[in-house]
Amino acid sequence: MKKIMTTMLATILLLSLSAINENAGTSGFSFFKVTYSARAAALANAYTGLADQEDAVFFNPAGLTQLSRPQIGATYMNYFDGINCGSLVYTRPLPKDFYVAAFTQFLSASDDKTLADANGNYAGTDGTFGVSDFLAGASISKHFSDFVNIGLNVKFLRESLDDHSASAAAVDIGVLHQTTNQNLKVGLALKNIGTQLSYFTKEEYEEKLPQTLQIGFSYTPSPTFLVNLDLYKPLEYDFSALVGAEYYLHRMFCLRAGYKSNADDWKTEGDYNSFAGISGGFGLKWQGYNLDYSINSYGDLGFVNQISLRYRF
């Protein structure tokens, strides 16, 4: 089994290295990088080594092997400037230690089209201008042993910008490893390996997909407390570190907090610079239901809220 684990880790790392080249630049289809989970968001998205709920499909599909019952979960996020986002996931275990899931994500926004005269002056409005993204995917994962779990996502994305649209398909590969220390798990995920299917224009300008590599560690020193650390690497940018902690004050209620090391990306020398990258939230459990809430600070850009509802059958 150690050979299987070593082979999988080596394969993912080699795939990630082969995707890097000296011409790497800004990628398109950035919606592939969007993840919806109030619990994970409160933990600053440090979730690759934990991934123990249905939202594992967005972080590490190998984590689905930790679910003993079917689950369904939905998340809503009110993003900046009236942008509405959300997701829906359903997962269930199958015989012979297989696990499957189906999931969707969406984003939509619209605004008035503004007109300009020949001199570039404002000339009123004419209808609306809309943007939308829709992603649909399926997951399969396999529990190989008490030490190794492997998962795979297949995803289809369609982006629309006013009257134009483009589409792409991609896969994610995930590994979850339970170390000999029962309190420590390690996750590895290489995401968004794929290709563009259709184009915004007739010129067929090809967009690069936003491939990412993420390594996560989840340490649970007690049943009521855990700490997660992720190293996150978009293949066209530098590494960043994500750290999150969760503590149960009561078996039905927990608090969460996190921090992203790339907080400087959102600092604009304003009054809220010191809050950039900080996240927090809470979770409530009642019978088979879970309610999670998170708030994330993007400095002077503002705060983003997410809420998730999950039901375990």
C-alpha atoms as a PDB file:
ATOM      1  CA  MET A   1       0.000   0.000   0.000  1.00  0.00           C
ATOM      2  CA  LYS A   2       2.939   2.323   0.618  1.00  0.00           C
ATOM      3  CA  LYS A   3       3.947   1.749  -3.027  1.00  0.00           C
ATOM      4  CA  ILE A   4       0.465   2.839  -4.168  1.00  0.00           C
ATOM      5  CA  MET A   5       0.660   5.979  -2.057  1.00  0.00           C
ATOM      6  CA  THR A   6       4.147   6.822  -3.344  1.00  0.00           C
ATOM      7  CA  THR A   7       3.101   6.234  -6.944  1.00  0.00           C
ATOM      8  CA  MET A   8       0.034   8.465  -6.630  1.00  0.00           C
ATOM      9  CA  LEU A   9       1.975  11.285  -4.989  1.00  0.00           C
ATOM     10  CA  ALA A  10       4.708  11.091  -7.604  1.00  0.00           C
ATOM     11  CA  THR A  11       2.181  11.064 -10.463  1.00  0.00           C
ATOM     12  CA  ILE A  12       0.379  14.162  -9.209  1.00  0.00           C
ATOM     13  CA  LEU A  13       3.607  16.047  -8.628  1.00  0.00           C
ATOM     14  CA  LEU A  14       4.905  15.137 -12.095  1.00  0.00           C
ATOM     15  CA  LEU A  15       1.630  16.220 -13.692  1.00  0.00           C
ATOM     16  CA  SER A  16       1.844  19.538 -11.888  1.00  0.00           C
ATOM     17  CA  LEU A  17       5.463  20.065 -12.970  1.00  0.00           C
ATOM     18  CA  SER A  18       4.662  19.205 -16.578  1.00  0.00           C
ATOM     19  CA  ALA A  19       1.932  21.861 -16.541  1.00  0.00           C
ATOM     20  CA  ILE A  20       4.433  24.603 -15.623  1.00  0.00           C
ATOM     21  CA  ASN A  21       6.341  26.307 -18.405  1.00  0.00           C
ATOM     22  CA  GLU A  22       8.191  29.557 -18.922  1.00  0.00           C
ATOM     23  CA  ASN A  23       5.274  31.001 -20.885  1.00  0.00           C
ATOM     24  CA  ALA A  24       2.759  30.434 -18.105  1.00  0.00           C
ATOM     25  CA  GLY A  25       0.550  33.443 -17.615  1.00  0.00           C
ATOM     26  CA  THR A  26      -2.865  34.514 -16.478  1.00  0.00           C
ATOM     27  CA  SER A  27      -5.444  31.782 -16.968  1.00  0.00           C
ATOM     28  CA  GLY A  28      -9.065  31.972 -18.010  1.00  0.00           C
ATOM     29  CA  PHE A  29     -12.126  30.140 -16.674  1.00  0.00           C
ATOM     30  CA  SER A  30     -11.318  31.409 -13.187  1.00  0.00           C
ATOM     31  CA  PHE A  31     -14.671  30.069 -11.967  1.00  0.00           C
ATOM     32  CA  PHE A  32     -12.977  26.660 -11.827  1.00  0.00           C
ATOM     33  CA  LYS A  33     -11.103  27.996  -8.774  1.00  0.00           C
ATOM     34  CA  VAL A  34     -14.227  29.092  -6.914  1.00  0.00           C
ATOM     35  CA  THR A  35     -15.200  26.907  -3.959  1.00  0.00           C
ATOM     36  CA  TYR A  36     -18.396  27.120  -1.928  1.00  0.00           C
ATOM     37  CA  SER A  37     -18.443  25.853   1.644  1.00  0.00           C
ATOM     38  CA  ALA A  38     -19.133  28.014   4.681  1.00  0.00           C
ATOM     39  CA  ARG A  39     -17.204  25.644   6.912  1.00  0.00           C
ATOM     40  CA  ALA A  40     -14.121  25.628   4.692  1.00  0.00           C
ATOM     41  CA  ALA A  41     -14.337  29.399   4.106  1.00  0.00           C
ATOM     42  CA  ALA A  42     -14.305  30.027   7.867  1.00  0.00           C
ATOM     43  CA  LEU A  43     -11.130  27.909   7.980  1.00  0.00           C
ATOM     44  CA  ALA A  44      -9.587  30.118   5.230  1.00  0.00           C
ATOM     45  CA  ASN A  45     -10.153  27.210   2.801  1.00  0.00           C
ATOM     46  CA  ALA A  46      -7.510  25.143   4.621  1.00  0.00           C
ATOM     47  CA  TYR A  47      -9.511  21.984   3.975  1.00  0.00           C
ATOM     48  CA  THR A  48      -7.513  19.645   1.712  1.00  0.00           C
ATOM     49  CA  GLY A  49      -6.278  17.443   4.551  1.00  0.00           C
ATOM     50  CA  LEU A  50      -9.695  17.328   6.268  1.00  0.00           C
ATOM     51  CA  ALA A  51     -12.398  17.250   3.548  1.00  0.00           C
ATOM     52  CA  ASP A  52     -14.730  15.124   5.653  1.00  0.00           C
ATOM     53  CA  GLN A  53     -18.118  16.386   4.403  1.00  0.00           C
ATOM     54  CA  GLU A  54     -19.887  16.432   1.057  1.00  0.00           C
ATOM     55  CA  ASP A  55     -18.067  19.689   0.180  1.00  0.00           C
ATOM     56  CA  ALA A  56     -14.911  17.571  -0.235  1.00  0.00           C
ATOM     57  CA  VAL A  57     -15.786  17.598  -3.957  1.00  0.00           C
ATOM     58  CA  PHE A  58     -14.522  21.203  -4.138  1.00  0.00           C
ATOM     59  CA  PHE A  59     -11.257  20.584  -2.272  1.00  0.00           C
ATOM     60  CA  ASN A  60     -10.201  16.934  -2.286  1.00  0.00           C
ATOM     61  CA  PRO A  61     -12.584  14.298  -3.710  1.00  0.00           C
ATOM     62  CA  ALA A  62     -10.695  11.546  -1.873  1.00  0.00           C
ATOM     63  CA  GLY A  63     -12.256  12.882   1.326  1.00  0.00           C
ATOM     64  CA  LEU A  64     -15.661  11.510   0.297  1.00  0.00           C
ATOM     65  CA  THR A  65     -14.511   8.112   1.559  1.00  0.00           C
ATOM     66  CA  GLN A  66     -14.982   9.404   5.122  1.00  0.00           C
ATOM     67  CA  LEU A  67     -18.777   9.629   4.717  1.00  0.00           C
ATOM     68  CA  SER A  68     -20.753   6.687   6.057  1.00  0.00           C
ATOM     69  CA  ARG A  69     -24.178   7.909   4.884  1.00  0.00           C
ATOM     70  CA  PRO A  70     -25.648   9.814   1.922  1.00  0.00           C
ATOM     71  CA  GLN A  71     -25.476  13.588   2.358  1.00  0.00           C
ATOM     72  CA  ILE A  72     -26.860  16.612   0.577  1.00  0.00           C
ATOM     73  CA  GLY A  73     -25.576  20.128   1.051  1.00  0.00           C
ATOM     74  CA  ALA A  74     -26.279  23.596  -0.347  1.00  0.00           C
ATOM     75  CA  THR A  75     -24.314  26.840  -0.009  1.00  0.00           C
ATOM     76  CA  TYR A  76     -25.190  30.428  -0.839  1.00  0.00           C
ATOM     77  CA  MET A  77     -22.720  33.306  -1.048  1.00  0.00           C
ATOM     78  CA  ASN A  78     -23.554  36.985  -1.524  1.00  0.00           C
ATOM     79  CA  TYR A  79     -20.425  38.238  -3.282  1.00  0.00           C
ATOM     80  CA  PHE A  80     -19.336  41.784  -4.125  1.00  0.00           C
ATOM     81  CA  ASP A  81     -21.527  44.182  -6.122  1.00  0.00           C
ATOM     82  CA  GLY A  82     -24.653  42.057  -6.080  1.00  0.00           C
ATOM     83  CA  ILE A  83     -23.047  38.920  -7.492  1.00  0.00           C
ATOM     84  CA  ASN A  84     -24.974  35.844  -6.376  1.00  0.00           C
ATOM     85  CA  CYS A  85     -23.259  32.464  -6.064  1.00  0.00           C
ATOM     86  CA  GLY A  86     -24.127  29.032  -4.792  1.00  0.00           C
ATOM     87  CA  SER A  87     -23.661  25.276  -4.954  1.00  0.00           C
ATOM     88  CA  LEU A  88     -25.506  22.008  -4.472  1.00  0.00           C
ATOM     89  CA  VAL A  89     -23.873  18.630  -3.693  1.00  0.00           C
ATOM     90  CA  TYR A  90     -25.236  15.132  -3.233  1.00  0.00           C
ATOM     91  CA  THR A  91     -23.039  12.193  -2.263  1.00  0.00           C
ATOM     92  CA  ARG A  92     -23.553   8.567  -1.249  1.00  0.00           C
ATOM     93  CA  PRO A  93     -21.461   5.478  -0.457  1.00  0.00           C
ATOM     94  CA  LEU A  94     -21.583   2.428  -2.739  1.00  0.00           C
ATOM     95  CA  PRO A  95     -20.639  -1.220  -2.221  1.00  0.00           C
ATOM     96  CA  LYS A  96     -16.974  -2.286  -2.233  1.00  0.00           C
ATOM     97  CA  ASP A  97     -15.783   0.959  -0.628  1.00  0.00           C
ATOM     98  CA  PHE A  98     -16.660   3.228  -3.565  1.00  0.00           C
ATOM     99  CA  TYR A  99     -18.228   6.658  -3.087  1.00  0.00           C
ATOM    100  CA  VAL A 100     -19.902   8.911  -5.658  1.00  0.00           C
ATOM    101  CA  ALA A 101     -21.156  12.483  -5.753  1.00  0.00           C
ATOM    102  CA  ALA A 102     -22.847  14.929  -8.117  1.00  0.00           C
ATOM    103  CA  PHE A 103     -22.469  18.682  -7.752  1.00  0.00           C
ATOM    104  CA  THR A 104     -23.250  22.021  -9.365  1.00  0.00           C
ATOM    105  CA  GLN A 105     -22.071  25.599  -8.863  1.00  0.00           C
ATOM    106  CA  PHE A 106     -23.422  28.860 -10.239  1.00  0.00           C
ATOM    107  CA  LEU A 107     -22.629  32.564 -10.369  1.00  0.00           C
ATOM    108  CA  SER A 108     -24.788  35.288 -11.860  1.00  0.00           C
ATOM    109  CA  ALA A 109     -24.839  39.077 -12.055  1.00  0.00           C
ATOM    110  CA  SER A 110     -26.373  41.761 -14.238  1.00  0.00           C
ATOM    111  CA  ASP A 111     -26.194  45.523 -14.657  1.00  0.00           C
ATOM    112  CA  ASP A 112     -27.435  48.236 -17.021  1.00  0.00           C
ATOM    113  CA  LYS A 113     -25.697  48.700 -20.354  1.00  0.00           C
ATOM    114  CA  THR A 114     -24.403  52.255 -20.619  1.00  0.00           C
ATOM    115  CA  LEU A 115     -24.220  54.168 -23.888  1.00  0.00           C
ATOM    116  CA  ALA A 116     -21.753  56.805 -25.022  1.00  0.00           C
ATOM    117  CA  ASP A 117     -22.017  59.409 -27.788  1.00  0.00           C
ATOM    118  CA  ALA A 118     -19.390  60.106 -30.437  1.00  0.00           C
ATOM    119  CA  ASN A 119     -17.406  62.208 -27.951  1.00  0.00           C
ATOM    120  CA  GLY A 120     -17.406  59.498 -25.297  1.00  0.00           C
ATOM    121  CA  ASN A 121     -19.990  61.212 -23.104  1.00  0.00           C
ATOM    122  CA  TYR A 122     -22.609  59.292 -21.156  1.00  0.00           C
ATOM    123  CA  ALA A 123     -25.753  58.799 -23.243  1.00  0.00           C
ATOM    124  CA  GLY A 124     -28.062  56.774 -21.035  1.00  0.00           C
ATOM    125  CA  THR A 125     -28.707  53.058 -20.832  1.00  0.00           C
ATOM    126  CA  ASP A 126     -29.949  50.368 -23.179  1.00  0.00           C
ATOM    127  CA  GLY A 127     -31.053  47.125 -21.591  1.00  0.00           C
ATOM    128  CA  THR A 128     -28.953  44.992 -19.273  1.00  0.00           C
ATOM    129  CA  PHE A 129     -25.559  43.349 -19.377  1.00  0.00           C
ATOM    130  CA  GLY A 130     -25.236  39.940 -17.763  1.00  0.00           C
ATOM    131  CA  VAL A 131     -22.546  37.485 -16.757  1.00  0.00           C
ATOM    132  CA  SER A 132     -23.068  33.926 -15.555  1.00  0.00           C
ATOM    133  CA  ASP A 133     -21.109  30.773 -14.830  1.00  0.00           C
ATOM    134  CA  PHE A 134     -22.485  27.271 -14.434  1.00  0.00           C
ATOM    135  CA  LEU A 135     -20.442  24.239 -13.426  1.00  0.00           C
ATOM    136  CA  ALA A 136     -21.620  20.638 -13.209  1.00  0.00           C
ATOM    137  CA  GLY A 137     -19.541  17.707 -12.071  1.00  0.00           C
ATOM    138  CA  ALA A 138     -19.374  14.160 -10.787  1.00  0.00           C
ATOM    139  CA  SER A 139     -17.001  12.500  -8.337  1.00  0.00           C
ATOM    140  CA  ILE A 140     -15.877   8.986  -7.617  1.00  0.00           C
ATOM    141  CA  SER A 141     -13.568   7.934  -4.814  1.00  0.00           C
ATOM    142  CA  LYS A 142     -12.204   4.680  -3.488  1.00  0.00           C
ATOM    143  CA  HIS A 143     -11.187   3.591  -0.003  1.00  0.00           C
ATOM    144  CA  PHE A 144      -8.132   1.388  -0.589  1.00  0.00           C
ATOM    145  CA  SER A 145      -7.050   0.922   3.001  1.00  0.00           C
ATOM    146  CA  ASP A 146      -7.008   2.596   6.393  1.00  0.00           C
ATOM    147  CA  PHE A 147      -4.114   4.673   5.063  1.00  0.00           C
ATOM    148  CA  VAL A 148      -4.916   5.562   1.450  1.00  0.00           C
ATOM    149  CA  ASN A 149      -7.988   7.024  -0.279  1.00  0.00           C
ATOM    150  CA  ILE A 150      -8.104   8.303  -3.858  1.00  0.00           C
ATOM    151  CA  GLY A 151     -10.710  10.493  -5.595  1.00  0.00           C
ATOM    152  CA  LEU A 152     -11.452  11.910  -9.030  1.00  0.00           C
ATOM    153  CA  ASN A 153     -13.699  14.772 -10.217  1.00  0.00           C
ATOM    154  CA  VAL A 154     -14.929  15.337 -13.767  1.00  0.00           C
ATOM    155  CA  LYS A 155     -16.258  18.866 -14.369  1.00  0.00           C
ATOM    156  CA  PHE A 156     -17.906  20.855 -17.145  1.00  0.00           C
ATOM    157  CA  LEU A 157     -18.024  24.672 -17.066  1.00  0.00           C
ATOM    158  CA  ARG A 158     -19.967  27.110 -19.223  1.00  0.00           C
ATOM    159  CA  GLU A 159     -19.267  30.843 -18.964  1.00  0.00           C
ATOM    160  CA  SER A 160     -21.548  33.476 -20.491  1.00  0.00           C
ATOM    161  CA  LEU A 161     -20.722  37.130 -21.019  1.00  0.00           C
ATOM    162  CA  ASP A 162     -23.687  39.033 -22.435  1.00  0.00           C
ATOM    163  CA  ASP A 163     -24.349  37.353 -25.819  1.00  0.00           C
ATOM    164  CA  HIS A 164     -21.126  35.340 -25.879  1.00  0.00           C
ATOM    165  CA  SER A 165     -20.191  32.083 -24.182  1.00  0.00           C
ATOM    166  CA  ALA A 166     -17.358  29.585 -23.824  1.00  0.00           C
ATOM    167  CA  SER A 167     -16.997  26.179 -22.197  1.00  0.00           C
ATOM    168  CA  ALA A 168     -14.324  23.890 -20.797  1.00  0.00           C
ATOM    169  CA  ALA A 169     -13.922  20.465 -19.202  1.00  0.00           C
ATOM    170  CA  ALA A 170     -11.493  19.466 -16.474  1.00  0.00           C
ATOM    171  CA  VAL A 171     -10.633  16.796 -13.933  1.00  0.00           C
ATOM    172  CA  ASP A 172      -9.340  16.916 -10.348  1.00  0.00           C
ATOM    173  CA  ILE A 173      -7.205  14.215  -8.722  1.00  0.00           C
ATOM    174  CA  GLY A 174      -7.116  13.872  -4.942  1.00  0.00           C
ATOM    175  CA  VAL A 175      -5.340  11.693  -2.391  1.00  0.00           C
ATOM    176  CA  LEU A 176      -6.061  11.483   1.338  1.00  0.00           C
ATOM    177  CA  HIS A 177      -3.531   9.739   3.572  1.00  0.00           C
ATOM    178  CA  GLN A 178      -4.093   8.732   7.183  1.00  0.00           C
ATOM    179  CA  THR A 179      -0.649   8.752   8.758  1.00  0.00           C
ATOM    180  CA  THR A 180       0.539   6.360  11.459  1.00  0.00           C
ATOM    181  CA  ASN A 181      -0.318   9.169  13.869  1.00  0.00           C
ATOM    182  CA  GLN A 182      -4.096   8.774  14.162  1.00  0.00           C
ATOM    183  CA  ASN A 183      -4.460  12.512  14.811  1.00  0.00           C
ATOM    184  CA  LEU A 184      -2.799  13.561  11.545  1.00  0.00           C
ATOM    185  CA  LYS A 185      -4.104  13.326   7.980  1.00  0.00           C
ATOM    186  CA  VAL A 186      -2.437  14.577   4.801  1.00  0.00           C
ATOM    187  CA  GLY A 187      -4.256  15.505   1.607  1.00  0.00           C
ATOM    188  CA  LEU A 188      -3.029  16.305  -1.887  1.00  0.00           C
ATOM    189  CA  ALA A 189      -5.109  17.653  -4.773  1.00  0.00           C
ATOM    190  CA  LEU A 190      -4.234  18.652  -8.317  1.00  0.00           C
ATOM    191  CA  LYS A 191      -7.185  20.486  -9.825  1.00  0.00           C
ATOM    192  CA  ASN A 192      -8.455  21.776 -13.156  1.00  0.00           C
ATOM    193  CA  ILE A 193      -6.481  19.619 -15.590  1.00  0.00           C
ATOM    194  CA  GLY A 194      -8.405  19.970 -18.802  1.00  0.00           C
ATOM    195  CA  THR A 195      -9.118  21.798 -22.008  1.00  0.00           C
ATOM    196  CA  GLN A 196     -11.337  24.442 -23.552  1.00  0.00           C
ATOM    197  CA  LEU A 197     -14.287  23.134 -25.577  1.00  0.00           C
ATOM    198  CA  SER A 198     -15.841  26.258 -27.115  1.00  0.00           C
ATOM    199  CA  TYR A 199     -14.804  29.873 -27.494  1.00  0.00           C
ATOM    200  CA  PHE A 200     -16.104  33.377 -26.872  1.00  0.00           C
ATOM    201  CA  THR A 201     -15.162  34.524 -30.378  1.00  0.00           C
ATOM    202  CA  LYS A 202     -14.809  33.042 -33.856  1.00  0.00           C
ATOM    203  CA  GLU A 203     -11.039  33.506 -33.603  1.00  0.00           C
ATOM    204  CA  GLU A 204     -11.017  30.617 -31.116  1.00  0.00           C
ATOM    205  CA  TYR A 205      -8.611  32.277 -28.713  1.00  0.00           C
ATOM    206  CA  GLU A 206      -7.726  29.541 -26.253  1.00  0.00           C
ATOM    207  CA  GLU A 207      -7.842  30.252 -22.513  1.00  0.00           C
ATOM    208  CA  LYS A 208      -5.547  28.447 -20.103  1.00  0.00           C
ATOM    209  CA  LEU A 209      -7.300  26.639 -17.299  1.00  0.00           C
ATOM    210  CA  PRO A 210      -6.386  27.728 -13.746  1.00  0.00           C
ATOM    211  CA  GLN A 211      -4.550  24.619 -12.600  1.00  0.00           C
ATOM    212  CA  THR A 212      -3.787  24.466  -8.884  1.00  0.00           C
ATOM    213  CA  LEU A 213      -1.832  22.201  -6.584  1.00  0.00           C
ATOM    214  CA  GLN A 214      -2.790  22.033  -2.910  1.00  0.00           C
ATOM    215  CA  ILE A 215      -1.232  20.085  -0.041  1.00  0.00           C
ATOM    216  CA  GLY A 216      -3.095  19.979   3.261  1.00  0.00           C
ATOM    217  CA  PHE A 217      -2.448  18.804   6.790  1.00  0.00           C
ATOM    218  CA  SER A 218      -5.195  18.257   9.359  1.00  0.00           C
ATOM    219  CA  TYR A 219      -4.246  17.681  12.986  1.00  0.00           C
ATOM    220  CA  THR A 220      -6.855  16.726  15.597  1.00  0.00           C
ATOM    221  CA  PRO A 221      -5.251  16.666  19.061  1.00  0.00           C
ATOM    222  CA  SER A 222      -8.651  16.144  20.718  1.00  0.00           C
ATOM    223  CA  PRO A 223     -12.224  15.295  19.618  1.00  0.00           C
ATOM    224  CA  THR A 224     -13.226  18.957  20.111  1.00  0.00           C
ATOM    225  CA  PHE A 225     -10.296  20.732  18.441  1.00  0.00           C
ATOM    226  CA  LEU A 226      -8.546  20.623  15.075  1.00  0.00           C
ATOM    227  CA  VAL A 227      -5.976  22.689  13.175  1.00  0.00           C
ATOM    228  CA  ASN A 228      -5.555  22.675   9.387  1.00  0.00           C
ATOM    229  CA  LEU A 229      -2.687  23.938   7.245  1.00  0.00           C
ATOM    230  CA  ASP A 230      -2.760  24.094   3.443  1.00  0.00           C
ATOM    231  CA  LEU A 231      -0.035  25.068   1.008  1.00  0.00           C
ATOM    232  CA  TYR A 232      -1.795  26.410  -2.077  1.00  0.00           C
ATOM    233  CA  LYS A 233      -0.064  26.812  -5.460  1.00  0.00           C
ATOM    234  CA  PRO A 234      -1.818  28.160  -8.544  1.00  0.00           C
ATOM    235  CA  LEU A 235       0.569  26.966 -11.241  1.00  0.00           C
ATOM    236  CA  GLU A 236       0.993  30.494 -12.636  1.00  0.00           C
ATOM    237  CA  TYR A 237       1.552  32.163  -9.253  1.00  0.00           C
ATOM    238  CA  ASP A 238       3.509  31.687  -6.026  1.00  0.00           C
ATOM    239  CA  PHE A 239       2.679  29.487  -3.069  1.00  0.00           C
ATOM    240  CA  SER A 240       0.440  30.793  -0.310  1.00  0.00           C
ATOM    241  CA  ALA A 241      -0.355  29.318   3.093  1.00  0.00           C
ATOM    242  CA  LEU A 242      -3.838  28.845   4.533  1.00  0.00           C
ATOM    243  CA  VAL A 243      -4.417  28.048   8.189  1.00  0.00           C
ATOM    244  CA  GLY A 244      -7.661  27.360  10.058  1.00  0.00           C
ATOM    245  CA  ALA A 245      -8.845  26.082  13.422  1.00  0.00           C
ATOM    246  CA  GLU A 246     -12.117  24.656  14.709  1.00  0.00           C
ATOM    247  CA  TYR A 247     -13.156  24.272  18.350  1.00  0.00           C
ATOM    248  CA  TYR A 248     -16.351  22.734  19.727  1.00  0.00           C
ATOM    249  CA  LEU A 249     -17.691  24.598  22.741  1.00  0.00           C
ATOM    250  CA  HIS A 250     -20.552  22.107  22.864  1.00  0.00           C
ATOM    251  CA  ARG A 251     -21.310  18.960  20.877  1.00  0.00           C
ATOM    252  CA  MET A 252     -23.849  21.040  18.918  1.00  0.00           C
ATOM    253  CA  PHE A 253     -21.870  24.273  18.486  1.00  0.00           C
ATOM    254  CA  CYS A 254     -18.365  25.164  17.295  1.00  0.00           C
ATOM    255  CA  LEU A 255     -16.339  28.267  16.435  1.00  0.00           C
ATOM    256  CA  ARG A 256     -13.929  28.576  13.503  1.00  0.00           C
ATOM    257  CA  ALA A 257     -11.222  31.012  12.416  1.00  0.00           C
ATOM    258  CA  GLY A 258      -8.594  31.201   9.696  1.00  0.00           C
ATOM    259  CA  TYR A 259      -6.040  33.292   7.846  1.00  0.00           C
ATOM    260  CA  LYS A 260      -4.671  33.442   4.283  1.00  0.00           C
ATOM    261  CA  SER A 261      -1.043  34.472   3.812  1.00  0.00           C
ATOM    262  CA  ASN A 262      -1.780  36.169   0.469  1.00  0.00           C
ATOM    263  CA  ALA A 263      -3.766  38.893   2.233  1.00  0.00           C
ATOM    264  CA  ASP A 264      -1.576  41.547   0.569  1.00  0.00           C
ATOM    265  CA  ASP A 265      -3.467  40.848  -2.665  1.00  0.00           C
ATOM    266  CA  TRP A 266      -6.459  42.732  -1.200  1.00  0.00           C
ATOM    267  CA  LYS A 267      -4.705  45.521   0.679  1.00  0.00           C
ATOM    268  CA  THR A 268      -5.295  49.009  -0.716  1.00  0.00           C
ATOM    269  CA  GLU A 269      -3.814  51.104   2.115  1.00  0.00           C
ATOM    270  CA  GLY A 270      -7.306  51.769   3.488  1.00  0.00           C
ATOM    271  CA  ASP A 271      -8.853  51.567   6.934  1.00  0.00           C
ATOM    272  CA  TYR A 272      -9.496  47.821   6.801  1.00  0.00           C
ATOM    273  CA  ASN A 273      -6.083  46.616   5.627  1.00  0.00           C
ATOM    274  CA  SER A 274      -5.334  44.886   8.904  1.00  0.00           C
ATOM    275  CA  PHE A 275      -8.407  42.642   8.496  1.00  0.00           C
ATOM    276  CA  ALA A 276      -7.498  41.362   5.020  1.00  0.00           C
ATOM    277  CA  GLY A 277      -7.169  37.582   4.873  1.00  0.00           C
ATOM    278  CA  ILE A 278      -8.935  36.936   8.181  1.00  0.00           C
ATOM    279  CA  SER A 279     -11.938  34.619   8.308  1.00  0.00           C
ATOM    280  CA  GLY A 280     -14.279  33.295  10.955  1.00  0.00           C
ATOM    281  CA  GLY A 281     -17.568  31.540  11.493  1.00  0.00           C
ATOM    282  CA  PHE A 282     -19.525  28.964  13.410  1.00  0.00           C
ATOM    283  CA  GLY A 283     -21.288  25.643  12.997  1.00  0.00           C
ATOM    284  CA  LEU A 284     -24.489  24.245  14.467  1.00  0.00           C
ATOM    285  CA  LYS A 285     -25.486  20.575  14.605  1.00  0.00           C
ATOM    286  CA  TRP A 286     -28.947  19.245  15.308  1.00  0.00           C
ATOM    287  CA  GLN A 287     -29.842  15.619  14.625  1.00  0.00           C
ATOM    288  CA  GLY A 288     -28.970  15.088  10.937  1.00  0.00           C
ATOM    289  CA  TYR A 289     -28.738  18.801  10.098  1.00  0.00           C
ATOM    290  CA  ASN A 290     -25.698  21.075   9.997  1.00  0.00           C
ATOM    291  CA  LEU A 291     -25.805  24.844   9.586  1.00  0.00           C
ATOM    292  CA  ASP A 292     -22.521  26.654   8.904  1.00  0.00           C
ATOM    293  CA  TYR A 293     -21.795  30.361   8.547  1.00  0.00           C
ATOM    294  CA  SER A 294     -18.599  32.164   7.538  1.00  0.00           C
ATOM    295  CA  ILE A 295     -17.368  35.700   7.007  1.00  0.00           C
ATOM    296  CA  ASN A 296     -14.183  36.501   5.090  1.00  0.00           C
ATOM    297  CA  SER A 297     -12.432  39.861   4.957  1.00  0.00           C
ATOM    298  CA  TYR A 298     -10.963  41.205   1.719  1.00  0.00           C
ATOM    299  CA  GLY A 299      -9.660  44.414   3.244  1.00  0.00           C
ATOM    300  CA  ASP A 300     -11.209  47.549   1.821  1.00  0.00           C
ATOM    301  CA  LEU A 301     -12.982  45.508  -0.831  1.00  0.00           C
ATOM    302  CA  GLY A 302     -15.365  44.391   1.901  1.00  0.00           C
ATOM    303  CA  PHE A 303     -16.627  41.247   3.582  1.00  0.00           C
ATOM    304  CA  VAL A 304     -18.050  38.118   1.974  1.00  0.00           C
ATOM    305  CA  ASN A 305     -20.610  35.945   3.762  1.00  0.00           C
ATOM    306  CA  GLN A 306     -21.455  32.312   3.109  1.00  0.00           C
ATOM    307  CA  ILE A 307     -24.086  30.069   4.615  1.00  0.00           C
ATOM    308  CA  SER A 308     -24.329  26.297   4.159  1.00  0.00           C
ATOM    309  CA  LEU A 309     -27.008  23.792   5.079  1.00  0.00           C
ATOM    310  CA  ARG A 310     -26.282  20.079   5.114  1.00  0.00           C
ATOM    311  CA  TYR A 311     -28.448  17.031   5.789  1.00  0.00           C
ATOM    312  CA  ARG A 312     -27.151  13.548   6.537  1.00  0.00           C
ATOM    313  CA  PHE A 313     -29.655  10.822   5.690  1.00  0.00           C
END
